[in-house]
C-alpha atoms as a PDB file:
ATOM      1  CA  MET A   1     -36.829  53.022  38.030  1.00  0.00           C
ATOM      2  CA  SER A   2     -39.108  54.018  35.454  1.00  0.00           C
ATOM      3  CA  ARG A   3     -38.711  56.683  32.718  1.00  0.00           C
ATOM      4  CA  ILE A   4     -41.552  59.051  33.484  1.00  0.00           C
ATOM      5  CA  ILE A   5     -42.656  61.741  30.851  1.00  0.00           C
ATOM      6  CA  ILE A   6     -45.265  64.638  32.630  1.00  0.00           C
ATOM      7  CA  ILE A   7     -46.847  67.050  30.149  1.00  0.00           C
ATOM      8  CA  THR A   8     -48.234  69.946  31.707  1.00  0.00           C
ATOM      9  CA  THR A   9     -51.156  70.996  29.174  1.00  0.00           C
ATOM     10  CA  SER A  10     -52.158  74.675  30.616  1.00  0.00           C
ATOM     11  CA  LEU A  11     -51.036  77.661  28.534  1.00  0.00           C
ATOM     12  CA  ARG A  12     -51.675  80.251  31.463  1.00  0.00           C
ATOM     13  CA  ALA A  13     -48.673  82.021  33.000  1.00  0.00           C
ATOM     14  CA  LYS A  14     -48.261  80.995  36.611  1.00  0.00           C
ATOM     15  CA  SER A  15     -50.826  78.096  36.098  1.00  0.00           C
ATOM     16  CA  ASN A  16     -51.767  76.455  39.141  1.00  0.00           C
ATOM     17  CA  SER A  17     -51.271  73.299  36.970  1.00  0.00           C
ATOM     18  CA  ASP A  18     -47.550  74.000  36.047  1.00  0.00           C
ATOM     19  CA  ILE A  19     -46.786  74.788  39.713  1.00  0.00           C
ATOM     20  CA  LEU A  20     -48.037  71.589  40.584  1.00  0.00           C
ATOM     21  CA  ALA A  21     -46.584  69.780  38.296  1.00  0.00           C
ATOM     22  CA  GLU A  22     -43.257  70.730  39.289  1.00  0.00           C
ATOM     23  CA  GLN A  23     -43.909  69.246  42.690  1.00  0.00           C
ATOM     24  CA  LEU A  24     -45.030  66.050  41.079  1.00  0.00           C
ATOM     25  CA  LEU A  25     -42.086  66.075  39.252  1.00  0.00           C
ATOM     26  CA  ALA A  26     -39.727  66.858  42.156  1.00  0.00           C
ATOM     27  CA  GLY A  27     -41.599  63.745  44.220  1.00  0.00           C
ATOM     28  CA  ALA A  28     -40.691  61.865  41.193  1.00  0.00           C
ATOM     29  CA  LYS A  29     -37.130  62.352  40.828  1.00  0.00           C
ATOM     30  CA  ASP A  30     -36.884  61.955  44.952  1.00  0.00           C
ATOM     31  CA  ALA A  31     -37.974  58.387  44.532  1.00  0.00           C
ATOM     32  CA  GLY A  32     -35.428  57.761  41.752  1.00  0.00           C
ATOM     33  CA  HIS A  33     -37.298  58.125  38.754  1.00  0.00           C
ATOM     34  CA  ASP A  34     -35.706  59.482  35.400  1.00  0.00           C
ATOM     35  CA  ALA A  35     -38.378  62.420  34.914  1.00  0.00           C
ATOM     36  CA  GLU A  36     -38.998  65.098  32.455  1.00  0.00           C
ATOM     37  CA  LEU A  37     -41.424  67.613  32.349  1.00  0.00           C
ATOM     38  CA  ILE A  38     -42.842  68.943  28.979  1.00  0.00           C
ATOM     39  CA  SER A  39     -45.139  71.863  29.006  1.00  0.00           C
ATOM     40  CA  LEU A  40     -47.281  72.480  25.855  1.00  0.00           C
ATOM     41  CA  LYS A  41     -46.765  76.459  26.413  1.00  0.00           C
ATOM     42  CA  GLY A  42     -45.110  77.781  23.170  1.00  0.00           C
ATOM     43  CA  LYS A  43     -45.731  74.686  21.214  1.00  0.00           C
ATOM     44  CA  GLU A  44     -47.494  74.381  18.512  1.00  0.00           C
ATOM     45  CA  ILE A  45     -49.534  71.380  17.894  1.00  0.00           C
ATOM     46  CA  ARG A  46     -51.897  71.133  15.002  1.00  0.00           C
ATOM     47  CA  PHE A  47     -55.426  69.195  15.154  1.00  0.00           C
ATOM     48  CA  CYS A  48     -55.372  65.942  13.997  1.00  0.00           C
ATOM     49  CA  ILE A  49     -56.922  65.360  10.594  1.00  0.00           C
ATOM     50  CA  GLY A  50     -58.038  61.924  10.544  1.00  0.00           C
ATOM     51  CA  CYS A  51     -56.141  60.762   7.532  1.00  0.00           C
ATOM     52  CA  LEU A  52     -54.745  57.490   9.389  1.00  0.00           C
ATOM     53  CA  ALA A  53     -51.412  57.759   7.426  1.00  0.00           C
ATOM     54  CA  CYS A  54     -49.851  57.210  10.992  1.00  0.00           C
ATOM     55  CA  GLN A  55     -51.172  53.962  11.421  1.00  0.00           C
ATOM     56  CA  LYS A  56     -48.990  52.419   8.426  1.00  0.00           C
ATOM     57  CA  THR A  57     -46.000  54.297   9.156  1.00  0.00           C
ATOM     58  CA  GLN A  58     -46.191  55.112  12.882  1.00  0.00           C
ATOM     59  CA  ARG A  59     -45.561  58.930  12.366  1.00  0.00           C
ATOM     60  CA  CYS A  60     -47.986  61.771  11.558  1.00  0.00           C
ATOM     61  CA  ILE A  61     -47.657  63.600   8.406  1.00  0.00           C
ATOM     62  CA  GLN A  62     -48.054  66.820   9.844  1.00  0.00           C
ATOM     63  CA  LYS A  63     -44.433  68.439  10.980  1.00  0.00           C
ATOM     64  CA  ASP A  64     -44.917  70.264  14.419  1.00  0.00           C
ATOM     65  CA  ASP A  65     -44.166  70.011  17.908  1.00  0.00           C
ATOM     66  CA  ALA A  66     -46.410  66.706  18.732  1.00  0.00           C
ATOM     67  CA  ILE A  67     -44.032  64.626  16.543  1.00  0.00           C
ATOM     68  CA  ALA A  68     -41.152  64.980  19.629  1.00  0.00           C
ATOM     69  CA  ILE A  69     -43.500  64.707  21.973  1.00  0.00           C
ATOM     70  CA  ALA A  70     -44.742  61.468  20.691  1.00  0.00           C
ATOM     71  CA  ASP A  71     -41.314  60.193  20.434  1.00  0.00           C
ATOM     72  CA  LYS A  72     -40.626  60.861  24.103  1.00  0.00           C
ATOM     73  CA  VAL A  73     -44.151  59.321  24.909  1.00  0.00           C
ATOM     74  CA  LEU A  74     -43.429  56.223  22.921  1.00  0.00           C
ATOM     75  CA  HIS A  75     -40.024  55.540  25.041  1.00  0.00           C
ATOM     76  CA  ALA A  76     -41.445  56.447  28.256  1.00  0.00           C
ATOM     77  CA  ASP A  77     -42.447  53.547  31.189  1.00  0.00           C
ATOM     78  CA  THR A  78     -45.103  56.123  32.777  1.00  0.00           C
ATOM     79  CA  LEU A  79     -47.213  59.016  31.403  1.00  0.00           C
ATOM     80  CA  VAL A  80     -48.535  61.679  33.341  1.00  0.00           C
ATOM     81  CA  PHE A  81     -50.843  64.229  32.054  1.00  0.00           C
ATOM     82  CA  VAL A  82     -51.718  67.343  33.648  1.00  0.00           C
ATOM     83  CA  THR A  83     -54.298  69.811  33.073  1.00  0.00           C
ATOM     84  CA  PRO A  84     -56.368  72.572  34.153  1.00  0.00           C
ATOM     85  CA  ILE A  85     -60.572  71.721  34.378  1.00  0.00           C
ATOM     86  CA  TYR A  86     -62.199  73.636  31.417  1.00  0.00           C
ATOM     87  CA  TYR A  87     -66.098  73.114  31.801  1.00  0.00           C
ATOM     88  CA  TYR A  88     -65.528  70.172  33.463  1.00  0.00           C
ATOM     89  CA  GLU A  89     -63.329  68.295  31.088  1.00  0.00           C
ATOM     90  CA  MET A  90     -59.602  68.394  30.058  1.00  0.00           C
ATOM     91  CA  SER A  91     -57.911  71.234  28.298  1.00  0.00           C
ATOM     92  CA  GLY A  92     -58.310  71.773  24.857  1.00  0.00           C
ATOM     93  CA  GLN A  93     -54.504  71.270  24.390  1.00  0.00           C
ATOM     94  CA  MET A  94     -54.512  67.969  26.146  1.00  0.00           C
ATOM     95  CA  LYS A  95     -57.219  66.380  24.233  1.00  0.00           C
ATOM     96  CA  THR A  96     -55.621  67.605  20.916  1.00  0.00           C
ATOM     97  CA  LEU A  97     -52.163  65.861  21.774  1.00  0.00           C
ATOM     98  CA  LEU A  98     -54.006  62.974  22.745  1.00  0.00           C
ATOM     99  CA  ASP A  99     -55.386  62.820  19.065  1.00  0.00           C
ATOM    100  CA  ARG A 100     -52.380  63.667  17.805  1.00  0.00           C
ATOM    101  CA  LEU A 101     -50.654  60.486  19.836  1.00  0.00           C
ATOM    102  CA  ASN A 102     -52.578  58.060  17.489  1.00  0.00           C
ATOM    103  CA  PRO A 103     -49.480  56.842  15.347  1.00  0.00           C
ATOM    104  CA  LEU A 104     -48.470  55.400  18.847  1.00  0.00           C
ATOM    105  CA  TYR A 105     -51.612  53.007  18.828  1.00  0.00           C
ATOM    106  CA  SER A 106     -49.900  50.862  16.311  1.00  0.00           C
ATOM    107  CA  ALA A 107     -46.102  51.226  17.530  1.00  0.00           C
ATOM    108  CA  ASP A 108     -44.553  49.177  20.016  1.00  0.00           C
ATOM    109  CA  TYR A 109     -44.756  51.782  22.848  1.00  0.00           C
ATOM    110  CA  ARG A 110     -43.257  51.301  25.886  1.00  0.00           C
ATOM    111  CA  PHE A 111     -45.633  53.047  28.351  1.00  0.00           C
ATOM    112  CA  ARG A 112     -47.785  50.690  30.970  1.00  0.00           C
ATOM    113  CA  SER A 113     -49.012  53.311  33.639  1.00  0.00           C
ATOM    114  CA  VAL A 114     -50.902  56.593  32.951  1.00  0.00           C
ATOM    115  CA  TYR A 115     -51.713  59.130  35.293  1.00  0.00           C
ATOM    116  CA  MET A 116     -53.474  62.530  35.604  1.00  0.00           C
ATOM    117  CA  LEU A 117     -52.878  65.388  37.631  1.00  0.00           C
ATOM    118  CA  SER A 118     -55.986  67.917  37.325  1.00  0.00           C
ATOM    119  CA  THR A 119     -56.895  71.255  39.216  1.00  0.00           C
ATOM    120  CA  ALA A 120     -59.822  73.706  39.135  1.00  0.00           C
ATOM    121  CA  ALA A 121     -61.336  76.744  40.912  1.00  0.00           C
ATOM    122  CA  GLU A 122     -64.395  74.125  42.070  1.00  0.00           C
ATOM    123  CA  ASP A 123     -63.645  71.625  44.952  1.00  0.00           C
ATOM    124  CA  GLU A 124     -66.275  69.248  44.663  1.00  0.00           C
ATOM    125  CA  ASP A 125     -65.571  65.484  43.979  1.00  0.00           C
ATOM    126  CA  PHE A 126     -67.508  65.564  40.499  1.00  0.00           C
ATOM    127  CA  VAL A 127     -65.293  67.942  38.944  1.00  0.00           C
ATOM    128  CA  PRO A 128     -62.753  65.711  37.417  1.00  0.00           C
ATOM    129  CA  GLU A 129     -64.819  62.889  36.385  1.00  0.00           C
ATOM    130  CA  LYS A 130     -65.361  63.895  32.970  1.00  0.00           C
ATOM    131  CA  ALA A 131     -61.450  64.741  32.346  1.00  0.00           C
ATOM    132  CA  VAL A 132     -60.582  61.618  33.881  1.00  0.00           C
ATOM    133  CA  SER A 133     -63.033  59.807  31.480  1.00  0.00           C
ATOM    134  CA  GLY A 134     -61.816  61.138  28.601  1.00  0.00           C
ATOM    135  CA  LEU A 135     -58.291  59.918  29.246  1.00  0.00           C
ATOM    136  CA  GLN A 136     -59.585  56.730  30.395  1.00  0.00           C
ATOM    137  CA  GLY A 137     -60.959  56.442  26.613  1.00  0.00           C
ATOM    138  CA  TRP A 138     -57.606  57.128  25.496  1.00  0.00           C
ATOM    139  CA  VAL A 139     -55.998  54.671  27.688  1.00  0.00           C
ATOM    140  CA  ASP A 140     -58.343  51.996  26.644  1.00  0.00           C
ATOM    141  CA  CYS A 141     -57.077  52.154  22.824  1.00  0.00           C
ATOM    142  CA  PHE A 142     -53.640  51.187  24.239  1.00  0.00           C
ATOM    143  CA  GLU A 143     -53.976  47.323  25.409  1.00  0.00           C
ATOM    144  CA  LYS A 144     -50.924  47.297  27.435  1.00  0.00           C
ATOM    145  CA  ALA A 145     -51.582  50.456  29.387  1.00  0.00           C
ATOM    146  CA  GLU A 146     -53.541  51.172  32.386  1.00  0.00           C
ATOM    147  CA  LEU A 147     -54.986  54.270  34.169  1.00  0.00           C
ATOM    148  CA  THR A 148     -53.157  53.916  37.133  1.00  0.00           C
ATOM    149  CA  GLY A 149     -54.366  57.072  39.255  1.00  0.00           C
ATOM    150  CA  SER A 150     -55.551  60.672  39.192  1.00  0.00           C
ATOM    151  CA  LEU A 151     -55.205  63.510  41.759  1.00  0.00           C
ATOM    152  CA  PHE A 152     -57.426  66.340  41.907  1.00  0.00           C
ATOM    153  CA  CYS A 153     -56.418  69.547  43.340  1.00  0.00           C
ATOM    154  CA  GLY A 154     -59.517  72.029  43.675  1.00  0.00           C
ATOM    155  CA  GLY A 155     -60.390  75.384  44.888  1.00  0.00           C
ATOM    156  CA  LEU A 156     -57.639  76.821  42.948  1.00  0.00           C
ATOM    157  CA  THR A 157     -58.900  79.998  40.824  1.00  0.00           C
ATOM    158  CA  ALA A 158     -56.217  82.645  40.305  1.00  0.00           C
ATOM    159  CA  GLY A 159     -53.119  81.930  38.542  1.00  0.00           C
ATOM    160  CA  GLY A 160     -50.106  81.236  41.090  1.00  0.00           C
ATOM    161  CA  GLU A 161     -52.709  80.371  43.754  1.00  0.00           C
ATOM    162  CA  ALA A 162     -51.344  76.803  44.162  1.00  0.00           C
ATOM    163  CA  ALA A 163     -47.823  78.281  45.322  1.00  0.00           C
ATOM    164  CA  LYS A 164     -49.552  79.101  48.892  1.00  0.00           C
ATOM    165  CA  ALA A 165     -51.712  75.781  48.847  1.00  0.00           C
ATOM    166  CA  GLU A 166     -49.700  73.720  51.178  1.00  0.00           C
ATOM    167  CA  ALA A 167     -51.890  70.561  50.963  1.00  0.00           C
ATOM    168  CA  HIS A 168     -51.919  70.702  47.218  1.00  0.00           C
ATOM    169  CA  LEU A 169     -48.358  71.235  47.333  1.00  0.00           C
ATOM    170  CA  LYS A 170     -47.801  68.366  49.688  1.00  0.00           C
ATOM    171  CA  ALA A 171     -50.490  66.097  47.826  1.00  0.00           C
ATOM    172  CA  ALA A 172     -48.864  66.428  44.623  1.00  0.00           C
ATOM    173  CA  TYR A 173     -45.117  65.655  45.747  1.00  0.00           C
ATOM    174  CA  GLU A 174     -46.369  62.709  47.239  1.00  0.00           C
ATOM    175  CA  PHE A 175     -48.328  61.765  43.990  1.00  0.00           C
ATOM    176  CA  GLY A 176     -44.957  61.854  42.363  1.00  0.00           C
ATOM    177  CA  ARG A 177     -43.281  59.905  45.021  1.00  0.00           C
ATOM    178  CA  ALA A 178     -45.756  57.013  44.301  1.00  0.00           C
ATOM    179  CA  LEU A 179     -45.437  56.844  40.512  1.00  0.00           C
ATOM    180  CA  ARG A 180     -44.750  53.636  39.104  1.00  0.00           C
END
């Protein structure tokens, strides 16, 4: 089975994204995958400074938690990014991490499938479109990878609300089971 890295990018305590990421993780493990959940809570991830030294060394010159995360991403078969939708986009933490994964561009990365799970207070179909498009832009830079799927769980406002949203819990679990 696949080595799956699930990165949850919400910094909110009892976040709906984290609750659904745990369900996704359970589904992936039940499907037989080697899956790991990484939370950006408590992580120090600085902004990319655009020096491009990483394109020669495959390592960032900045010393923070992005380096260890990039190493796990490099060796994963499948990536899942989990984000709350803020102003119809991915979280700032997720965008910062994507920028800091730039050393992987010129590396022999293993991942081929990339997925997104997103949450928001709004529940309309269009809500995650810009976040998915942003992730697609990142994936487009990796010729061997593809954005394979996304799941949107809307209508979740208060922290922890997802714990009682049976339909979303089930959808996240099944999304995890279906990862490849």
